[in-house]
Amino acid sequence: MSLRVLALETSTDWPSLALLTPERLLGERLWEARQTLAEQLVPKMQELLKEANLSPQDLSLIAVSRGPGSFTGIRIGVVTAKGLAQALGIPLLGVSALDALAWGTPCQGFRTCVALLPAPKRGVYVGVYQVKGKALHHQGPFRFLLPHQIVETLTLCPLPGLLTGTASAVERWLEALGQGWQWAGPAFGWPRASVVGALAWQRWQRGEREDLHSFAPLYLKPTEAEEKLGTIVYPPRP
């Protein structure tokens, strides 16, 4: 039987669910859920499985976006994914929302791809990637940046550069960054569950596994001291 992956992405106001195998996407749901995610997530999951003529017992792997992003959304997604994996006795693999956003964007032709998600205090969560052909390579850790740091940080990136994320997270920085930068556009504004599932499948192929009990969301929430400094990075400094 082919591996069947159920993927959850709940880090933004536009959550999504996807059902896929290594060969094809069986179905995907994307909807707006500002205050109703907890009530909608499981029913939409049931609808997705029903349309594919599958039951939860047919699943082989649960994939979940672990953040950063909406604190409430990430918590709901991770708790739901862990509960499913535990109840079904199947593995769980986590994927960063920034990785899902970047890998879901066509970055060929650029030297740098920067994934941006809205964060508290008008800041952004940032993932910077070097583009090599169709592959993306992390350039440093994920970061939480406040407004005064964003342009300063991104001007160090090789050009041409591509910004991907929602209009609210991206548009205000384009003019300040100047020539050499483009926005991927609204079609690539949110991380997608289908990309979360595909990246989780790649991790599975490499033999990577999560410890279900210690698996936790990636909040990138700044401490009080870090807020004063205006930056936080992940993985944490030793």
Foldseek 3Di string as FASTA:
>chain_A
DFAWEWFWEFQEQWIKIWIDTLVDTQDMDTDGHDPCCLVVVVVVVVVSQVVSVHDLLPHAEYEYAQDAHDPVRNVSGLVVSLVSCVVNVHFYYYDHFQVLLQLVFQPPPWQKEWEWYADPPRWTWIWIWGDDGSDTHTDFFIKIAHPVCPLVVVLVGDFLYEYEAACSGPVVCDVVNDPRYDYSDPVSHGRGRVSSRNVRVVCVVVVDGDDSVPDHGDHNDDDPVCVVVGMAGPPHDD
